[in-house]
PDB file of N, CA and C in Angstrom:
ATOM      1  N   MET A   1       0.832  -1.185   0.000  1.00  0.00           N
ATOM      2  CA  MET A   1       0.000   0.000   0.000  1.00  0.00           C
ATOM      3  C   MET A   1       0.868   1.237   0.000  1.00  0.00           C
ATOM      4  N   ASN A   2       0.486   2.211  -0.808  1.00  0.00           N
ATOM      5  CA  ASN A   2       1.236   3.461  -0.789  1.00  0.00           C
ATOM      6  C   ASN A   2       0.615   4.414   0.232  1.00  0.00           C
ATOM      7  N   SER A   3       1.233   5.570   0.373  1.00  0.00           N
ATOM      8  CA  SER A   3       0.814   6.528   1.398  1.00  0.00           C
ATOM      9  C   SER A   3      -0.627   6.994   1.219  1.00  0.00           C
ATOM     10  N   SER A   4      -1.028   7.283  -0.009  1.00  0.00           N
ATOM     11  CA  SER A   4      -2.403   7.757  -0.223  1.00  0.00           C
ATOM     12  C   SER A   4      -3.420   6.655   0.056  1.00  0.00           C
ATOM     13  N   GLU A   5      -3.065   5.403  -0.252  1.00  0.00           N
ATOM     14  CA  GLU A   5      -3.956   4.290   0.073  1.00  0.00           C
ATOM     15  C   GLU A   5      -4.069   4.124   1.581  1.00  0.00           C
ATOM     16  N   ASN A   6      -2.954   4.290   2.293  1.00  0.00           N
ATOM     17  CA  ASN A   6      -2.984   4.203   3.753  1.00  0.00           C
ATOM     18  C   ASN A   6      -3.861   5.287   4.351  1.00  0.00           C
ATOM     19  N   GLN A   7      -3.757   6.504   3.826  1.00  0.00           N
ATOM     20  CA  GLN A   7      -4.575   7.605   4.335  1.00  0.00           C
ATOM     21  C   GLN A   7      -6.051   7.352   4.054  1.00  0.00           C
ATOM     22  N   LEU A   8      -6.362   6.846   2.882  1.00  0.00           N
ATOM     23  CA  LEU A   8      -7.743   6.539   2.535  1.00  0.00           C
ATOM     24  C   LEU A   8      -8.293   5.449   3.456  1.00  0.00           C
ATOM     25  N   GLU A   9      -7.494   4.410   3.689  1.00  0.00           N
ATOM     26  CA  GLU A   9      -7.926   3.342   4.585  1.00  0.00           C
ATOM     27  C   GLU A   9      -8.136   3.874   6.000  1.00  0.00           C
ATOM     28  N   TYR A  10      -7.228   4.735   6.460  1.00  0.00           N
ATOM     29  CA  TYR A  10      -7.349   5.323   7.794  1.00  0.00           C
ATOM     30  C   TYR A  10      -8.665   6.083   7.911  1.00  0.00           C
ATOM     31  N   ARG A  11      -8.974   6.921   6.932  1.00  0.00           N
ATOM     32  CA  ARG A  11     -10.215   7.712   6.984  1.00  0.00           C
ATOM     33  C   ARG A  11     -11.445   6.811   6.931  1.00  0.00           C
ATOM     34  N   ALA A  12     -11.398   5.784   6.096  1.00  0.00           N
ATOM     35  CA  ALA A  12     -12.538   4.874   5.986  1.00  0.00           C
ATOM     36  C   ALA A  12     -12.766   4.124   7.291  1.00  0.00           C
ATOM     37  N   LEU A  13     -11.685   3.644   7.898  1.00  0.00           N
ATOM     38  CA  LEU A  13     -11.836   2.917   9.153  1.00  0.00           C
ATOM     39  C   LEU A  13     -12.284   3.843  10.270  1.00  0.00           C
ATOM     40  N   LYS A  14     -11.787   5.063  10.270  1.00  0.00           N
ATOM     41  CA  LYS A  14     -12.209   6.023  11.291  1.00  0.00           C
ATOM     42  C   LYS A  14     -13.713   6.267  11.180  1.00  0.00           C
ATOM     43  N   GLU A  15     -14.207   6.405   9.969  1.00  0.00           N
ATOM     44  CA  GLU A  15     -15.648   6.592   9.774  1.00  0.00           C
ATOM     45  C   GLU A  15     -16.414   5.351  10.218  1.00  0.00           C
ATOM     46  N   PHE A  16     -15.883   4.175   9.904  1.00  0.00           N
ATOM     47  CA  PHE A  16     -16.505   2.919  10.320  1.00  0.00           C
ATOM     48  C   PHE A  16     -16.598   2.858  11.836  1.00  0.00           C
ATOM     49  N   VAL A  17     -15.499   3.176  12.513  1.00  0.00           N
ATOM     50  CA  VAL A  17     -15.482   3.134  13.975  1.00  0.00           C
ATOM     51  C   VAL A  17     -16.428   4.180  14.552  1.00  0.00           C
ATOM     52  N   ARG A  18     -16.525   5.336  13.928  1.00  0.00           N
ATOM     53  CA  ARG A  18     -17.443   6.376  14.423  1.00  0.00           C
ATOM     54  C   ARG A  18     -18.897   5.946  14.348  1.00  0.00           C
ATOM     55  N   LEU A  19     -19.215   5.023  13.456  1.00  0.00           N
ATOM     56  CA  LEU A  19     -20.585   4.532  13.367  1.00  0.00           C
ATOM     57  C   LEU A  19     -21.019   3.845  14.658  1.00  0.00           C
ATOM     58  N   VAL A  20     -20.055   3.467  15.481  1.00  0.00           N
ATOM     59  CA  VAL A  20     -20.372   2.844  16.763  1.00  0.00           C
ATOM     60  C   VAL A  20     -21.261   3.773  17.589  1.00  0.00           C
ATOM     61  N   ASP A  21     -21.073   5.071  17.466  1.00  0.00           N
ATOM     62  CA  ASP A  21     -21.873   6.037  18.215  1.00  0.00           C
ATOM     63  C   ASP A  21     -23.237   6.284  17.584  1.00  0.00           C
ATOM     64  N   ASP A  22     -23.444   5.764  16.402  1.00  0.00           N
ATOM     65  CA  ASP A  22     -24.702   5.961  15.688  1.00  0.00           C
ATOM     66  C   ASP A  22     -25.771   5.068  16.314  1.00  0.00           C
ATOM     67  N   GLU A  23     -26.937   5.607  16.548  1.00  0.00           N
ATOM     68  CA  GLU A  23     -28.022   4.845  17.166  1.00  0.00           C
ATOM     69  C   GLU A  23     -28.904   4.128  16.145  1.00  0.00           C
ATOM     70  N   THR A  24     -28.550   4.187  14.872  1.00  0.00           N
ATOM     71  CA  THR A  24     -29.337   3.520  13.838  1.00  0.00           C
ATOM     72  C   THR A  24     -29.041   2.030  13.835  1.00  0.00           C
ATOM     73  N   SER A  25     -29.777   1.312  13.024  1.00  0.00           N
ATOM     74  CA  SER A  25     -29.568  -0.123  12.873  1.00  0.00           C
ATOM     75  C   SER A  25     -28.145  -0.418  12.406  1.00  0.00           C
ATOM     76  N   LEU A  26     -27.644   0.402  11.471  1.00  0.00           N
ATOM     77  CA  LEU A  26     -26.282   0.202  10.979  1.00  0.00           C
ATOM     78  C   LEU A  26     -25.276   0.409  12.105  1.00  0.00           C
ATOM     79  N   GLY A  27     -25.474   1.444  12.898  1.00  0.00           N
ATOM     80  CA  GLY A  27     -24.575   1.696  14.023  1.00  0.00           C
ATOM     81  C   GLY A  27     -24.550   0.538  14.999  1.00  0.00           C
ATOM     82  N   MET A  28     -25.714  -0.037  15.267  1.00  0.00           N
ATOM     83  CA  MET A  28     -25.782  -1.173  16.186  1.00  0.00           C
ATOM     84  C   MET A  28     -25.064  -2.380  15.598  1.00  0.00           C
ATOM     85  N   ARG A  29     -25.179  -2.570  14.301  1.00  0.00           N
ATOM     86  CA  ARG A  29     -24.498  -3.698  13.661  1.00  0.00           C
ATOM     87  C   ARG A  29     -22.978  -3.515  13.680  1.00  0.00           C
ATOM     88  N   VAL A  30     -22.550  -2.282  13.450  1.00  0.00           N
ATOM     89  CA  VAL A  30     -21.114  -2.000  13.501  1.00  0.00           C
ATOM     90  C   VAL A  30     -20.591  -2.293  14.900  1.00  0.00           C
ATOM     91  N   ARG A  31     -21.341  -1.885  15.912  1.00  0.00           N
ATOM     92  CA  ARG A  31     -20.955  -2.149  17.296  1.00  0.00           C
ATOM     93  C   ARG A  31     -20.804  -3.653  17.528  1.00  0.00           C
ATOM     94  N   CYS A  32     -21.733  -4.429  16.995  1.00  0.00           N
ATOM     95  CA  CYS A  32     -21.666  -5.887  17.130  1.00  0.00           C
ATOM     96  C   CYS A  32     -20.430  -6.455  16.448  1.00  0.00           C
ATOM     97  N   VAL A  33     -20.123  -5.945  15.251  1.00  0.00           N
ATOM     98  CA  VAL A  33     -18.937  -6.413  14.530  1.00  0.00           C
ATOM     99  C   VAL A  33     -17.695  -6.179  15.375  1.00  0.00           C
ATOM    100  N   ILE A  34     -17.574  -4.980  15.917  1.00  0.00           N
ATOM    101  CA  ILE A  34     -16.393  -4.649  16.709  1.00  0.00           C
ATOM    102  C   ILE A  34     -16.321  -5.534  17.947  1.00  0.00           C
ATOM    103  N   CYS A  35     -17.450  -5.759  18.605  1.00  0.00           N
ATOM    104  CA  CYS A  35     -17.457  -6.589  19.813  1.00  0.00           C
ATOM    105  C   CYS A  35     -17.153  -8.052  19.508  1.00  0.00           C
ATOM    106  N   GLU A  36     -17.698  -8.549  18.411  1.00  0.00           N
ATOM    107  CA  GLU A  36     -17.555  -9.966  18.096  1.00  0.00           C
ATOM    108  C   GLU A  36     -16.250 -10.309  17.393  1.00  0.00           C
ATOM    109  N   GLU A  37     -15.740  -9.408  16.591  1.00  0.00           N
ATOM    110  CA  GLU A  37     -14.591  -9.729  15.751  1.00  0.00           C
ATOM    111  C   GLU A  37     -13.245  -9.336  16.349  1.00  0.00           C
ATOM    112  N   LEU A  38     -13.219  -8.390  17.267  1.00  0.00           N
ATOM    113  CA  LEU A  38     -11.948  -7.911  17.811  1.00  0.00           C
ATOM    114  C   LEU A  38     -11.719  -8.430  19.219  1.00  0.00           C
ATOM    115  N   THR A  39     -10.450  -8.575  19.567  1.00  0.00           N
ATOM    116  CA  THR A  39     -10.113  -8.924  20.945  1.00  0.00           C
ATOM    117  C   THR A  39     -10.354  -7.704  21.830  1.00  0.00           C
ATOM    118  N   VAL A  40     -10.375  -7.921  23.126  1.00  0.00           N
ATOM    119  CA  VAL A  40     -10.562  -6.819  24.067  1.00  0.00           C
ATOM    120  C   VAL A  40      -9.469  -5.775  23.870  1.00  0.00           C
ATOM    121  N   ARG A  41      -8.227  -6.211  23.720  1.00  0.00           N
ATOM    122  CA  ARG A  41      -7.108  -5.278  23.548  1.00  0.00           C
ATOM    123  C   ARG A  41      -7.239  -4.503  22.238  1.00  0.00           C
ATOM    124  N   GLN A  42      -7.607  -5.188  21.160  1.00  0.00           N
ATOM    125  CA  GLN A  42      -7.785  -4.502  19.877  1.00  0.00           C
ATOM    126  C   GLN A  42      -8.878  -3.446  19.975  1.00  0.00           C
ATOM    127  N   ARG A  43      -9.994  -3.787  20.612  1.00  0.00           N
ATOM    128  CA  ARG A  43     -11.077  -2.807  20.791  1.00  0.00           C
ATOM    129  C   ARG A  43     -10.594  -1.607  21.585  1.00  0.00           C
ATOM    130  N   GLU A  44      -9.869  -1.874  22.659  1.00  0.00           N
ATOM    131  CA  GLU A  44      -9.365  -0.798  23.515  1.00  0.00           C
ATOM    132  C   GLU A  44      -8.451   0.144  22.734  1.00  0.00           C
ATOM    133  N   LEU A  45      -7.486  -0.413  22.015  1.00  0.00           N
ATOM    134  CA  LEU A  45      -6.525   0.421  21.299  1.00  0.00           C
ATOM    135  C   LEU A  45      -7.159   1.140  20.111  1.00  0.00           C
ATOM    136  N   ILE A  46      -8.045   0.477  19.398  1.00  0.00           N
ATOM    137  CA  ILE A  46      -8.718   1.127  18.275  1.00  0.00           C
ATOM    138  C   ILE A  46      -9.592   2.263  18.782  1.00  0.00           C
ATOM    139  N   ASN A  47     -10.250   2.067  19.902  1.00  0.00           N
ATOM    140  CA  ASN A  47     -11.053   3.139  20.493  1.00  0.00           C
ATOM    141  C   ASN A  47     -10.172   4.327  20.878  1.00  0.00           C
ATOM    142  N   MET A  48      -9.056   4.057  21.518  1.00  0.00           N
ATOM    143  CA  MET A  48      -8.158   5.138  21.933  1.00  0.00           C
ATOM    144  C   MET A  48      -7.612   5.886  20.714  1.00  0.00           C
ATOM    145  N   TYR A  49      -7.248   5.143  19.690  1.00  0.00           N
ATOM    146  CA  TYR A  49      -6.617   5.741  18.514  1.00  0.00           C
ATOM    147  C   TYR A  49      -7.619   6.508  17.654  1.00  0.00           C
ATOM    148  N   TYR A  50      -8.748   5.885  17.349  1.00  0.00           N
ATOM    149  CA  TYR A  50      -9.702   6.499  16.427  1.00  0.00           C
ATOM    150  C   TYR A  50     -10.739   7.383  17.110  1.00  0.00           C
ATOM    151  N   MET A  51     -11.235   6.978  18.262  1.00  0.00           N
ATOM    152  CA  MET A  51     -12.302   7.739  18.911  1.00  0.00           C
ATOM    153  C   MET A  51     -11.761   8.835  19.828  1.00  0.00           C
ATOM    154  N   GLU A  52     -10.703   8.512  20.562  1.00  0.00           N
ATOM    155  CA  GLU A  52     -10.131   9.490  21.486  1.00  0.00           C
ATOM    156  C   GLU A  52      -9.012  10.303  20.842  1.00  0.00           C
ATOM    157  N   ASN A  53      -8.684   9.969  19.594  1.00  0.00           N
ATOM    158  CA  ASN A  53      -7.644  10.668  18.823  1.00  0.00           C
ATOM    159  C   ASN A  53      -6.300  10.730  19.547  1.00  0.00           C
ATOM    160  N   MET A  54      -5.970   9.655  20.242  1.00  0.00           N
ATOM    161  CA  MET A  54      -4.665   9.576  20.895  1.00  0.00           C
ATOM    162  C   MET A  54      -3.640   9.092  19.876  1.00  0.00           C
ATOM    163  N   THR A  55      -2.405   9.538  20.030  1.00  0.00           N
ATOM    164  CA  THR A  55      -1.334   9.055  19.164  1.00  0.00           C
ATOM    165  C   THR A  55      -0.848   7.709  19.689  1.00  0.00           C
ATOM    166  N   MET A  56      -0.136   6.986  18.843  1.00  0.00           N
ATOM    167  CA  MET A  56       0.401   5.700  19.282  1.00  0.00           C
ATOM    168  C   MET A  56       1.361   5.860  20.460  1.00  0.00           C
ATOM    169  N   PRO A  57       2.262   6.856  20.436  1.00  0.00           N
ATOM    170  CA  PRO A  57       3.125   7.042  21.611  1.00  0.00           C
ATOM    171  C   PRO A  57       2.329   7.369  22.886  1.00  0.00           C
ATOM    172  N   GLU A  58       1.246   8.131  22.761  1.00  0.00           N
ATOM    173  CA  GLU A  58       0.412   8.434  23.931  1.00  0.00           C
ATOM    174  C   GLU A  58      -0.236   7.168  24.483  1.00  0.00           C
ATOM    175  N   ILE A  59      -0.741   6.334  23.592  1.00  0.00           N
ATOM    176  CA  ILE A  59      -1.367   5.077  24.008  1.00  0.00           C
ATOM    177  C   ILE A  59      -0.339   4.189  24.687  1.00  0.00           C
ATOM    178  N   ALA A  60       0.832   4.074  24.066  1.00  0.00           N
ATOM    179  CA  ALA A  60       1.897   3.243  24.634  1.00  0.00           C
ATOM    180  C   ALA A  60       2.268   3.716  26.032  1.00  0.00           C
ATOM    181  N   GLY A  61       2.421   5.022  26.197  1.00  0.00           N
ATOM    182  CA  GLY A  61       2.771   5.568  27.505  1.00  0.00           C
ATOM    183  C   GLY A  61       1.702   5.312  28.545  1.00  0.00           C
ATOM    184  N   LYS A  62       0.458   5.475  28.163  1.00  0.00           N
ATOM    185  CA  LYS A  62      -0.654   5.285  29.101  1.00  0.00           C
ATOM    186  C   LYS A  62      -0.772   3.833  29.546  1.00  0.00           C
ATOM    187  N   LEU A  63      -0.536   2.906  28.617  1.00  0.00           N
ATOM    188  CA  LEU A  63      -0.706   1.488  28.922  1.00  0.00           C
ATOM    189  C   LEU A  63       0.589   0.792  29.330  1.00  0.00           C
ATOM    190  N   GLY A  64       1.704   1.494  29.215  1.00  0.00           N
ATOM    191  CA  GLY A  64       2.981   0.890  29.586  1.00  0.00           C
ATOM    192  C   GLY A  64       3.440  -0.198  28.634  1.00  0.00           C
ATOM    193  N   ILE A  65       3.151  -0.021  27.350  1.00  0.00           N
ATOM    194  CA  ILE A  65       3.597  -0.970  26.334  1.00  0.00           C
ATOM    195  C   ILE A  65       4.380  -0.197  25.276  1.00  0.00           C
ATOM    196  N   THR A  66       5.002  -0.915  24.359  1.00  0.00           N
ATOM    197  CA  THR A  66       5.803  -0.245  23.338  1.00  0.00           C
ATOM    198  C   THR A  66       4.915   0.312  22.221  1.00  0.00           C
ATOM    199  N   VAL A  67       5.433   1.311  21.535  1.00  0.00           N
ATOM    200  CA  VAL A  67       4.730   1.877  20.381  1.00  0.00           C
ATOM    201  C   VAL A  67       4.561   0.798  19.314  1.00  0.00           C
ATOM    202  N   SER A  68       5.565  -0.045  19.168  1.00  0.00           N
ATOM    203  CA  SER A  68       5.497  -1.134  18.200  1.00  0.00           C
ATOM    204  C   SER A  68       4.327  -2.069  18.512  1.00  0.00           C
ATOM    205  N   SER A  69       4.125  -2.373  19.777  1.00  0.00           N
ATOM    206  CA  SER A  69       3.010  -3.229  20.187  1.00  0.00           C
ATOM    207  C   SER A  69       1.669  -2.568  19.882  1.00  0.00           C
ATOM    208  N   VAL A  70       1.582  -1.272  20.135  1.00  0.00           N
ATOM    209  CA  VAL A  70       0.358  -0.524  19.821  1.00  0.00           C
ATOM    210  C   VAL A  70       0.091  -0.598  18.320  1.00  0.00           C
ATOM    211  N   SER A  71       1.107  -0.326  17.527  1.00  0.00           N
ATOM    212  CA  SER A  71       0.969  -0.332  16.075  1.00  0.00           C
ATOM    213  C   SER A  71       0.521  -1.698  15.560  1.00  0.00           C
ATOM    214  N   ARG A  72       1.163  -2.759  16.037  1.00  0.00           N
ATOM    215  CA  ARG A  72       0.806  -4.114  15.600  1.00  0.00           C
ATOM    216  C   ARG A  72      -0.624  -4.476  15.994  1.00  0.00           C
ATOM    217  N   THR A  73      -1.017  -4.128  17.213  1.00  0.00           N
ATOM    218  CA  THR A  73      -2.358  -4.470  17.691  1.00  0.00           C
ATOM    219  C   THR A  73      -3.431  -3.744  16.885  1.00  0.00           C
ATOM    220  N   ILE A  74      -3.213  -2.462  16.618  1.00  0.00           N
ATOM    221  CA  ILE A  74      -4.171  -1.702  15.813  1.00  0.00           C
ATOM    222  C   ILE A  74      -4.215  -2.261  14.392  1.00  0.00           C
ATOM    223  N   ALA A  75      -3.057  -2.584  13.834  1.00  0.00           N
ATOM    224  CA  ALA A  75      -3.011  -3.140  12.473  1.00  0.00           C
ATOM    225  C   ALA A  75      -3.763  -4.465  12.399  1.00  0.00           C
ATOM    226  N   ARG A  76      -3.595  -5.311  13.406  1.00  0.00           N
ATOM    227  CA  ARG A  76      -4.308  -6.596  13.415  1.00  0.00           C
ATOM    228  C   ARG A  76      -5.816  -6.385  13.553  1.00  0.00           C
ATOM    229  N   GLY A  77      -6.203  -5.421  14.356  1.00  0.00           N
ATOM    230  CA  GLY A  77      -7.627  -5.106  14.492  1.00  0.00           C
ATOM    231  C   GLY A  77      -8.215  -4.609  13.184  1.00  0.00           C
ATOM    232  N   ARG A  78      -7.474  -3.726  12.516  1.00  0.00           N
ATOM    233  CA  ARG A  78      -7.936  -3.219  11.214  1.00  0.00           C
ATOM    234  C   ARG A  78      -8.070  -4.360  10.213  1.00  0.00           C
ATOM    235  N   LEU A  79      -7.116  -5.265  10.233  1.00  0.00           N
ATOM    236  CA  LEU A  79      -7.158  -6.400   9.315  1.00  0.00           C
ATOM    237  C   LEU A  79      -8.394  -7.257   9.579  1.00  0.00           C
ATOM    238  N   ARG A  80      -8.701  -7.500  10.847  1.00  0.00           N
ATOM    239  CA  ARG A  80      -9.888  -8.296  11.176  1.00  0.00           C
ATOM    240  C   ARG A  80     -11.159  -7.602  10.709  1.00  0.00           C
ATOM    241  N   ILE A  81     -11.238  -6.285  10.909  1.00  0.00           N
ATOM    242  CA  ILE A  81     -12.409  -5.535  10.451  1.00  0.00           C
ATOM    243  C   ILE A  81     -12.487  -5.574   8.931  1.00  0.00           C
ATOM    244  N   ARG A  82     -11.350  -5.381   8.275  1.00  0.00           N
ATOM    245  CA  ARG A  82     -11.313  -5.387   6.810  1.00  0.00           C
ATOM    246  C   ARG A  82     -11.778  -6.738   6.270  1.00  0.00           C
ATOM    247  N   LYS A  83     -11.287  -7.830   6.872  1.00  0.00           N
ATOM    248  CA  LYS A  83     -11.694  -9.163   6.422  1.00  0.00           C
ATOM    249  C   LYS A  83     -13.187  -9.370   6.631  1.00  0.00           C
ATOM    250  N   TYR A  84     -13.686  -8.942   7.777  1.00  0.00           N
ATOM    251  CA  TYR A  84     -15.117  -9.081   8.035  1.00  0.00           C
ATOM    252  C   TYR A  84     -15.922  -8.317   6.988  1.00  0.00           C
ATOM    253  N   LEU A  85     -15.529  -7.082   6.736  1.00  0.00           N
ATOM    254  CA  LEU A  85     -16.260  -6.263   5.769  1.00  0.00           C
ATOM    255  C   LEU A  85     -16.176  -6.841   4.366  1.00  0.00           C
ATOM    256  N   LYS A  86     -15.035  -7.409   4.039  1.00  0.00           N
ATOM    257  CA  LYS A  86     -14.873  -7.989   2.708  1.00  0.00           C
ATOM    258  C   LYS A  86     -15.888  -9.109   2.493  1.00  0.00           C
ATOM    259  N   TYR A  87     -16.109  -9.916   3.523  1.00  0.00           N
ATOM    260  CA  TYR A  87     -17.000 -11.061   3.383  1.00  0.00           C
ATOM    261  C   TYR A  87     -18.444 -10.764   3.772  1.00  0.00           C
ATOM    262  N   ASN A  88     -18.650  -9.837   4.685  1.00  0.00           N
ATOM    263  CA  ASN A  88     -19.991  -9.612   5.214  1.00  0.00           C
ATOM    264  C   ASN A  88     -20.504  -8.187   5.073  1.00  0.00           C
ATOM    265  N   GLY A  89     -19.640  -7.264   4.749  1.00  0.00           N
ATOM    266  CA  GLY A  89     -20.017  -5.856   4.741  1.00  0.00           C
ATOM    267  C   GLY A  89     -21.106  -5.499   3.761  1.00  0.00           C
ATOM    268  N   ARG A  90     -21.035  -6.040   2.568  1.00  0.00           N
ATOM    269  CA  ARG A  90     -22.038  -5.698   1.557  1.00  0.00           C
ATOM    270  C   ARG A  90     -23.422  -6.154   2.001  1.00  0.00           C
ATOM    271  N   SER A  91     -23.537  -7.374   2.525  1.00  0.00           N
ATOM    272  CA  SER A  91     -24.857  -7.842   2.964  1.00  0.00           C
ATOM    273  C   SER A  91     -25.336  -7.053   4.174  1.00  0.00           C
ATOM    274  N   MET A  92     -24.410  -6.646   5.049  1.00  0.00           N
ATOM    275  CA  MET A  92     -24.773  -5.841   6.208  1.00  0.00           C
ATOM    276  C   MET A  92     -25.334  -4.501   5.753  1.00  0.00           C
ATOM    277  N   MET A  93     -24.661  -3.852   4.825  1.00  0.00           N
ATOM    278  CA  MET A  93     -25.111  -2.557   4.326  1.00  0.00           C
ATOM    279  C   MET A  93     -26.434  -2.698   3.573  1.00  0.00           C
ATOM    280  N   ASN A  94     -26.545  -3.724   2.742  1.00  0.00           N
ATOM    281  CA  ASN A  94     -27.770  -3.904   1.963  1.00  0.00           C
ATOM    282  C   ASN A  94     -28.979  -4.141   2.855  1.00  0.00           C
ATOM    283  N   SER A  95     -28.820  -4.906   3.910  1.00  0.00           N
ATOM    284  CA  SER A  95     -29.954  -5.186   4.789  1.00  0.00           C
ATOM    285  C   SER A  95     -30.412  -3.942   5.530  1.00  0.00           C
ATOM    286  N   CYS A  96     -29.526  -2.996   5.745  1.00  0.00           N
ATOM    287  CA  CYS A  96     -29.892  -1.763   6.445  1.00  0.00           C
ATOM    288  C   CYS A  96     -30.640  -0.799   5.549  1.00  0.00           C
ATOM    289  N   PHE A  97     -30.413  -0.890   4.252  1.00  0.00           N
ATOM    290  CA  PHE A  97     -30.995   0.087   3.348  1.00  0.00           C
ATOM    291  C   PHE A  97     -32.067  -0.500   2.438  1.00  0.00           C
ATOM    292  N   ASP A  98     -32.504  -1.715   2.715  1.00  0.00           N
ATOM    293  CA  ASP A  98     -33.582  -2.322   1.909  1.00  0.00           C
ATOM    294  C   ASP A  98     -34.910  -1.680   2.222  1.00  0.00           C
TER     295      ASP A  98
END
């Protein structure tokens, strides 16, 4: 992935995570995906990074772990969400807008 693809993915995932606060059917489904597909640690770090807008060094300092660990955990969480959306996202979106 090049830099512009990374930025696009970051913005798309940030919007996806923000849907967690949405009270619509889609928001509730997104919340379920995050709860069911991610580990507790992945949910925690993704929330801190995307919702609380903390930097990776800030997260690492707060939790007493390395920046590398934060980066890997967030990347694995994004991958799990991406895989879920690849296989289930279209049907999830279609069922909300039928």
